[in-house]
Amino acid sequence: MYDVVVVGAGPAGSRYARRAAERGLDVVAFEQGEIGEPLACSGHVSTDVWEFTEDAREDLFQNEISGARFHTGGPGSAAHPFYKDEVISNVIDRVGLDKHLAGLARDAGADVREDHSVVGVTEERDGVTVEVRGPDGVETHRAKMVAGCDGPKSRVRRELGLPEPDELLHGVLGFSDEVDHGDFVDVHLTVPRFFAWRIPRGEAGVEYGLAVPPGDDARGRFEAFVDGYGVETDRRCSGLIPIGPPRRVTGRRSFLVGDAAAQTKPFTGGGIRYGMTAADHAAREIDPDDPATLGDYERAWRDDLKQEIRLGHAVRAGYSAPKPIQEAGMTAFEGEIGVHMDRPTTLFSREQLAALFSRS
């Protein structure tokens, strides 16, 4: 019997598998296809990502970002720049990140298996049973607990009847072959309740994307967006973005981490750092021999991230404000900022206040 079966080997799953294995737990992780494929997530991340990797910057790095231009109109519209005199974020090889993190989990002693799809999960009094379809047919595995790190449409969440995220946005990405070493991203507040973006990736091209609420025409809006920039994109992909953690992310012998738990930034949809942060809490707090420690995990990750998520919802509300209010607000605050892209609480930091007063 394993200590933990991990379902999904994205950033959250691989991070948890690594940290749990380092604690001496017997961990197996299943990824339904090739790790990192198909791509369904932006590669624009805060520089905090390097805290979770090992000597990977040279292999994964693509570009440095120091600011963002916000637009209330489409390509070519007036821009409101926000920036720092230092690097705010990096653009990275997103597929490479997944592979690197899975490699770290394997190095720590976790058994990480690709091309294994979980088809059934059952909780019992003394453990869990996980059915997995692999290259050699269906296998049955027993463990003390199961970690659902399997994304927005989590099979673990569904099989065990855990609550759903508050919202699932539909995101679309596409990539052009333009070489662009610019250090500003472009953000367009032109789609309902979210935004569209352009991210320069150096020699790797340019990323275009957007996300919309369910029922909206994501692909049609994306076509119009890239047409506005006058570019052709290839390697398109799409996926769901969970927003709003449910009231609980644990069961009797189960727990969710990452996108499966909607541990994401409401104002950008990104979940790499939040998911890996929650994975660290899970590895520290959960004892597979003691189901009561699942409550410790719930408290730990929420205490760490709840304020950031709450303020993130407030920031996102501004995307739906009337255009004149958006324009007035951005005009008032544009310029140098002191905000961390993963931490909206830094809106009230000394650095941000200093930046504001320096313009007065």
Protein backbone atom coordinates (compact mmCIF):
# COMPACT_ATOMS: atom_id res chain seq x y z
CA MET A 1 0.00 0.00 0.00
CA TYR A 2 1.30 3.44 -0.97
CA ASP A 3 1.20 6.34 1.46
CA VAL A 4 -0.24 8.63 -1.22
CA VAL A 5 -1.38 8.26 -4.82
CA VAL A 6 -1.00 11.59 -6.63
CA VAL A 7 -3.29 12.10 -9.62
CA GLY A 8 -1.75 14.61 -12.03
CA ALA A 9 1.89 15.60 -12.49
CA GLY A 10 1.62 19.28 -13.31
CA PRO A 11 3.39 21.84 -11.10
CA ALA A 12 1.17 21.23 -8.05
CA GLY A 13 1.24 17.44 -8.31
CA SER A 14 4.95 17.18 -8.94
CA ARG A 15 5.73 19.68 -6.18
CA TYR A 16 3.64 17.73 -3.67
CA ALA A 17 5.12 14.40 -4.82
CA ARG A 18 8.62 15.77 -4.38
CA ARG A 19 8.05 17.24 -0.93
CA ALA A 20 6.14 14.19 0.32
CA ALA A 21 8.87 11.86 -0.95
CA GLU A 22 11.50 14.00 0.77
CA ARG A 23 9.61 13.38 4.01
CA GLY A 24 10.04 9.66 3.45
CA LEU A 25 6.55 8.88 2.17
CA ASP A 26 5.96 6.19 -0.46
CA VAL A 27 4.43 8.19 -3.31
CA VAL A 28 3.29 7.29 -6.82
CA ALA A 29 2.07 9.95 -9.27
CA PHE A 30 0.07 9.29 -12.43
CA GLU A 31 -0.09 11.64 -15.44
CA GLN A 32 -2.61 10.76 -18.14
CA GLY A 33 -0.31 11.62 -21.06
CA GLU A 34 3.14 13.04 -21.58
CA ILE A 35 4.11 15.44 -18.80
CA GLY A 36 3.60 19.05 -19.91
CA GLU A 37 1.57 18.10 -22.97
CA PRO A 38 -0.69 19.43 -24.31
CA LEU A 39 0.18 22.98 -23.31
CA ALA A 40 -2.83 24.75 -21.80
CA CYS A 41 -1.29 27.47 -19.64
CA SER A 42 0.59 30.72 -20.11
CA GLY A 43 4.34 30.84 -19.50
CA HIS A 44 4.27 34.30 -17.86
CA VAL A 45 5.23 33.85 -14.20
CA SER A 46 6.64 35.84 -11.31
CA THR A 47 10.32 35.48 -10.55
CA ASP A 48 9.27 33.50 -7.46
CA VAL A 49 9.09 30.46 -9.74
CA TRP A 50 12.85 29.97 -9.40
CA GLU A 51 12.38 29.26 -5.68
CA PHE A 52 10.65 26.02 -6.69
CA THR A 53 13.25 24.85 -9.22
CA GLU A 54 16.83 23.63 -9.13
CA ASP A 55 19.35 25.25 -11.51
CA ALA A 56 16.72 25.42 -14.26
CA ARG A 57 16.78 29.09 -15.23
CA GLU A 58 19.20 28.68 -18.13
CA ASP A 59 17.05 25.97 -19.69
CA LEU A 60 13.60 27.48 -19.05
CA PHE A 61 14.11 31.25 -19.30
CA GLN A 62 12.78 33.09 -22.38
CA ASN A 63 12.32 36.78 -21.51
CA GLU A 64 12.23 39.39 -18.73
CA ILE A 65 9.21 41.62 -18.07
CA SER A 66 9.31 44.90 -16.15
CA GLY A 67 5.87 46.35 -16.87
CA ALA A 68 2.44 46.14 -18.45
CA ARG A 69 0.49 48.40 -20.79
CA PHE A 70 -3.23 48.36 -19.99
CA HIS A 71 -5.75 49.14 -22.73
CA THR A 72 -9.51 49.64 -22.56
CA GLY A 73 -9.62 49.14 -26.33
CA GLY A 74 -8.11 46.71 -28.79
CA PRO A 75 -4.67 46.64 -30.46
CA GLY A 76 -3.47 50.15 -31.27
CA SER A 77 -5.62 51.81 -28.59
CA ALA A 78 -4.22 54.21 -26.00
CA ALA A 79 -2.14 52.51 -23.33
CA HIS A 80 -1.65 53.09 -19.62
CA PRO A 81 1.81 51.86 -18.59
CA PHE A 82 2.59 50.39 -15.18
CA TYR A 83 6.19 49.42 -14.50
CA LYS A 84 9.08 48.89 -12.12
CA ASP A 85 12.73 49.81 -12.55
CA GLU A 86 13.50 46.13 -12.04
CA VAL A 87 12.36 42.81 -13.41
CA ILE A 88 8.80 41.99 -12.31
CA SER A 89 8.33 38.64 -13.99
CA ASN A 90 9.77 36.16 -16.45
CA VAL A 91 8.47 34.35 -19.48
CA ILE A 92 9.47 30.70 -19.41
CA ASP A 93 9.19 27.42 -21.30
CA ARG A 94 5.96 26.22 -19.69
CA VAL A 95 6.22 22.62 -20.92
CA GLY A 96 9.84 22.52 -19.79
CA LEU A 97 8.80 23.67 -16.31
CA ASP A 98 6.43 20.71 -15.90
CA LYS A 99 9.10 18.28 -17.03
CA HIS A 100 11.68 19.81 -14.71
CA LEU A 101 9.41 19.66 -11.66
CA ALA A 102 8.49 16.05 -12.41
CA GLY A 103 12.20 15.24 -12.65
CA LEU A 104 12.76 16.76 -9.20
CA ALA A 105 9.96 14.58 -7.84
CA ARG A 106 11.59 11.48 -9.32
CA ASP A 107 14.97 12.51 -7.93
CA ALA A 108 13.38 12.76 -4.48
CA GLY A 109 12.13 9.17 -4.73
CA ALA A 110 8.58 9.57 -6.05
CA ASP A 111 7.43 7.09 -8.70
CA VAL A 112 6.13 9.35 -11.49
CA ARG A 113 4.40 7.51 -14.35
CA GLU A 114 3.29 9.01 -17.64
CA ASP A 115 0.52 7.63 -19.90
CA HIS A 116 -1.53 6.47 -16.92
CA SER A 117 -5.13 7.74 -16.71
CA VAL A 118 -7.05 7.43 -13.46
CA VAL A 119 -10.49 6.03 -14.21
CA GLY A 120 -11.84 5.42 -10.71
CA VAL A 121 -11.28 6.54 -7.12
CA THR A 122 -12.98 5.13 -4.03
CA GLU A 123 -12.55 6.23 -0.42
CA GLU A 124 -12.78 3.62 2.30
CA ARG A 125 -12.42 3.67 6.06
CA ASP A 126 -8.76 2.63 6.01
CA GLY A 127 -7.57 3.95 2.66
CA VAL A 128 -8.38 4.59 -1.00
CA THR A 129 -8.56 2.42 -4.10
CA VAL A 130 -7.44 4.00 -7.36
CA GLU A 131 -8.06 2.39 -10.74
CA VAL A 132 -5.61 3.41 -13.45
CA ARG A 133 -5.57 2.65 -17.18
CA GLY A 134 -1.97 2.29 -18.32
CA PRO A 135 -0.14 0.84 -21.33
CA ASP A 136 -0.73 -2.68 -20.02
CA GLY A 137 -4.39 -2.29 -19.14
CA VAL A 138 -6.26 -1.32 -16.00
CA GLU A 139 -4.36 -1.50 -12.71
CA THR A 140 -5.69 -1.21 -9.16
CA HIS A 141 -3.63 0.58 -6.54
CA ARG A 142 -4.22 0.94 -2.81
CA ALA A 143 -3.03 3.90 -0.75
CA LYS A 144 -3.66 5.58 2.56
CA MET A 145 -4.66 8.80 0.78
CA VAL A 146 -5.15 10.26 -2.68
CA ALA A 147 -4.06 13.73 -3.82
CA GLY A 148 -6.15 15.21 -6.61
CA CYS A 149 -3.79 17.44 -8.59
CA ASP A 150 -5.56 16.76 -11.86
CA GLY A 151 -6.65 20.17 -13.03
CA PRO A 152 -9.89 22.13 -13.46
CA LYS A 153 -11.98 19.09 -14.44
CA SER A 154 -10.51 16.93 -11.67
CA ARG A 155 -11.49 13.27 -11.86
CA VAL A 156 -10.69 12.89 -8.17
CA ARG A 157 -13.00 15.76 -7.25
CA ARG A 158 -15.78 14.35 -9.38
CA GLU A 159 -15.42 10.72 -8.26
CA LEU A 160 -15.45 11.65 -4.58
CA GLY A 161 -18.19 14.28 -4.78
CA LEU A 162 -16.05 17.16 -3.55
CA PRO A 163 -17.37 20.70 -4.20
CA GLU A 164 -16.76 22.38 -7.54
CA PRO A 165 -14.92 25.70 -8.07
CA ASP A 166 -17.05 28.81 -8.12
CA GLU A 167 -16.36 29.44 -11.81
CA LEU A 168 -14.63 27.93 -14.84
CA LEU A 169 -13.42 30.37 -17.50
CA HIS A 170 -12.58 29.26 -21.03
CA GLY A 171 -9.05 30.30 -22.06
CA VAL A 172 -7.44 30.25 -25.52
CA LEU A 173 -3.73 30.60 -26.32
CA GLY A 174 -1.89 31.02 -29.59
CA PHE A 175 1.72 31.69 -30.54
CA SER A 176 3.30 33.66 -33.38
CA ASP A 177 6.86 33.39 -34.63
CA GLU A 178 7.63 37.11 -34.07
CA VAL A 179 10.94 37.69 -32.30
CA ASP A 180 10.22 40.19 -29.54
CA HIS A 181 12.54 40.97 -26.63
CA GLY A 182 10.33 43.78 -25.32
CA ASP A 183 9.90 43.97 -21.57
CA PHE A 184 6.22 44.99 -21.47
CA VAL A 185 3.15 42.80 -21.74
CA ASP A 186 -0.08 44.22 -23.16
CA VAL A 187 -3.36 43.72 -21.31
CA HIS A 188 -6.67 44.49 -23.06
CA LEU A 189 -9.83 44.88 -20.96
CA THR A 190 -12.01 44.11 -23.95
CA VAL A 191 -13.61 40.76 -23.11
CA PRO A 192 -16.42 40.13 -20.61
CA ARG A 193 -15.28 39.86 -16.97
CA PHE A 194 -11.64 39.16 -17.86
CA PHE A 195 -8.98 40.30 -20.36
CA ALA A 196 -6.87 39.50 -23.41
CA TRP A 197 -3.07 39.61 -23.47
CA ARG A 198 0.07 39.78 -25.58
CA ILE A 199 3.31 38.50 -24.05
CA PRO A 200 6.73 38.82 -25.78
CA ARG A 201 8.80 35.65 -25.44
CA GLY A 202 12.11 36.77 -26.93
CA GLU A 203 13.40 34.38 -29.59
CA ALA A 204 10.54 31.98 -28.80
CA GLY A 205 7.91 34.26 -30.37
CA VAL A 206 4.88 36.02 -28.91
CA GLU A 207 2.03 34.56 -26.85
CA TYR A 208 -1.51 35.82 -27.42
CA GLY A 209 -4.41 34.79 -25.23
CA LEU A 210 -7.70 35.59 -23.57
CA ALA A 211 -10.27 34.05 -21.27
CA VAL A 212 -14.04 34.47 -21.13
CA PRO A 213 -16.92 33.20 -19.00
CA PRO A 214 -18.79 30.03 -20.01
CA GLY A 215 -21.09 30.44 -22.97
CA ASP A 216 -19.11 33.24 -24.60
CA ASP A 217 -17.41 32.74 -27.97
CA ALA A 218 -13.79 32.36 -26.84
CA ARG A 219 -12.45 31.27 -30.23
CA GLY A 220 -14.29 33.99 -32.13
CA ARG A 221 -13.02 36.66 -29.77
CA PHE A 222 -9.50 35.26 -30.02
CA GLU A 223 -9.60 35.39 -33.83
CA ALA A 224 -10.71 39.02 -33.71
CA PHE A 225 -8.01 39.84 -31.15
CA VAL A 226 -5.07 38.46 -33.14
CA ASP A 227 -6.50 39.90 -36.37
CA GLY A 228 -6.33 43.29 -34.66
CA TYR A 229 -2.61 42.76 -34.18
CA GLY A 230 -2.29 41.62 -37.82
CA VAL A 231 -0.56 38.34 -36.98
CA GLU A 232 -0.96 34.65 -37.68
CA THR A 233 -0.76 32.24 -34.76
CA ASP A 234 -0.08 28.52 -34.65
CA ARG A 235 0.18 25.92 -31.89
CA ARG A 236 -3.14 27.05 -30.52
CA CYS A 237 -4.53 25.46 -27.39
CA SER A 238 -7.40 25.98 -25.00
CA GLY A 239 -8.36 25.01 -21.49
CA LEU A 240 -10.43 25.84 -18.47
CA ILE A 241 -9.34 28.26 -15.76
CA PRO A 242 -10.88 27.63 -12.31
CA ILE A 243 -11.68 30.68 -10.20
CA GLY A 244 -12.79 30.67 -6.57
CA PRO A 245 -11.80 27.82 -4.24
CA PRO A 246 -14.76 25.73 -3.05
CA ARG A 247 -15.74 25.65 0.62
CA ARG A 248 -13.60 22.54 1.19
CA VAL A 249 -10.91 20.73 -0.77
CA THR A 250 -10.60 17.62 1.40
CA GLY A 251 -12.57 14.43 1.87
CA ARG A 252 -12.23 11.51 4.25
CA ARG A 253 -8.91 10.35 2.81
CA SER A 254 -8.48 12.75 -0.08
CA PHE A 255 -7.30 16.28 -0.78
CA LEU A 256 -7.11 18.58 -3.78
CA VAL A 257 -4.18 20.79 -4.75
CA GLY A 258 -3.66 23.37 -7.50
CA ASP A 259 -6.22 23.91 -10.24
CA ALA A 260 -8.31 21.00 -8.92
CA ALA A 261 -8.80 23.11 -5.76
CA ALA A 262 -9.09 26.39 -7.73
CA GLN A 263 -6.02 27.69 -5.90
CA THR A 264 -5.55 30.38 -8.54
CA LYS A 265 -5.27 34.16 -8.83
CA PRO A 266 -8.78 35.50 -9.60
CA PHE A 267 -7.36 38.53 -11.42
CA THR A 268 -5.10 36.60 -13.85
CA GLY A 269 -6.16 32.95 -13.65
CA GLY A 270 -2.56 31.89 -13.00
CA GLY A 271 -2.10 29.12 -10.50
CA ILE A 272 1.50 27.93 -10.66
CA ARG A 273 2.79 29.66 -7.53
CA TYR A 274 -0.43 29.33 -5.50
CA GLY A 275 -0.70 25.64 -6.38
CA MET A 276 2.90 24.87 -5.45
CA THR A 277 2.57 26.89 -2.25
CA ALA A 278 -0.49 24.82 -1.31
CA ALA A 279 1.42 21.65 -2.23
CA ASP A 280 4.11 22.58 0.29
CA HIS A 281 1.43 23.05 2.96
CA ALA A 282 -0.05 19.65 2.10
CA ALA A 283 3.32 17.93 2.39
CA ARG A 284 4.01 19.58 5.76
CA GLU A 285 0.60 19.18 7.34
CA ILE A 286 -0.89 15.91 6.10
CA ASP A 287 0.01 12.61 7.76
CA PRO A 288 -1.41 9.77 5.63
CA ASP A 289 -1.83 7.69 8.81
CA ASP A 290 -4.01 10.38 10.42
CA PRO A 291 -6.99 11.68 8.37
CA ALA A 292 -7.56 14.40 10.99
CA THR A 293 -4.50 16.21 9.60
CA LEU A 294 -6.45 16.98 6.42
CA GLY A 295 -8.06 19.78 8.43
CA ASP A 296 -4.61 21.13 9.22
CA TYR A 297 -3.94 21.38 5.47
CA GLU A 298 -7.25 23.21 4.89
CA ARG A 299 -6.40 25.78 7.54
CA ALA A 300 -2.76 26.22 6.49
CA TRP A 301 -3.25 26.93 2.81
CA ARG A 302 -6.29 29.16 3.39
CA ASP A 303 -4.50 31.18 6.08
CA ASP A 304 -1.63 31.71 3.64
CA LEU A 305 -3.60 32.56 0.48
CA LYS A 306 -7.10 33.72 1.46
CA GLN A 307 -6.23 37.43 1.63
CA GLU A 308 -4.48 37.33 -1.73
CA ILE A 309 -7.43 35.54 -3.31
CA ARG A 310 -9.96 37.89 -1.70
CA LEU A 311 -8.14 40.99 -2.95
CA GLY A 312 -7.66 39.30 -6.30
CA HIS A 313 -11.43 39.15 -6.67
CA ALA A 314 -11.60 42.88 -5.92
CA VAL A 315 -8.99 43.63 -8.59
CA ARG A 316 -10.88 41.53 -11.12
CA ALA A 317 -14.10 43.44 -10.42
CA GLY A 318 -12.40 46.45 -12.00
CA TYR A 319 -12.33 44.63 -15.35
CA SER A 320 -16.11 45.04 -15.54
CA ALA A 321 -16.23 48.69 -14.49
CA PRO A 322 -17.58 51.17 -17.06
CA LYS A 323 -14.88 52.29 -19.48
CA PRO A 324 -14.76 55.93 -18.25
CA ILE A 325 -14.11 54.71 -14.70
CA GLN A 326 -11.39 52.34 -15.92
CA GLU A 327 -9.74 55.15 -17.89
CA ALA A 328 -9.88 57.56 -14.97
CA GLY A 329 -8.47 55.04 -12.53
CA MET A 330 -5.61 53.96 -14.75
CA THR A 331 -4.74 57.53 -15.65
CA ALA A 332 -4.54 58.38 -11.93
CA PHE A 333 -2.31 55.47 -10.99
CA GLU A 334 -0.23 54.74 -14.10
CA GLY A 335 3.53 54.95 -13.82
CA GLU A 336 5.95 53.29 -11.47
CA ILE A 337 4.47 50.67 -9.14
CA GLY A 338 5.63 48.62 -6.16
CA VAL A 339 3.25 45.69 -6.57
CA HIS A 340 4.15 41.98 -6.72
CA MET A 341 2.26 40.22 -9.52
CA ASP A 342 1.29 37.25 -7.31
CA ARG A 343 0.40 39.25 -4.21
CA PRO A 344 -2.37 41.85 -4.51
CA THR A 345 -1.86 42.64 -0.81
CA THR A 346 1.25 44.53 -1.97
CA LEU A 347 -1.13 47.21 -3.25
CA PHE A 348 -0.85 48.44 0.32
CA SER A 349 2.89 47.90 0.71
CA ARG A 350 5.47 50.56 1.53
CA GLU A 351 6.92 50.10 -1.94
CA GLN A 352 3.59 50.84 -3.61
CA LEU A 353 2.87 53.85 -1.40
CA ALA A 354 6.36 55.20 -2.08
CA ALA A 355 5.79 54.80 -5.83
CA LEU A 356 2.49 56.66 -5.63
CA PHE A 357 3.84 59.53 -3.56
CA SER A 358 6.86 59.88 -5.82
CA ARG A 359 4.46 60.97 -8.58
CA SER A 360 2.60 63.53 -6.49
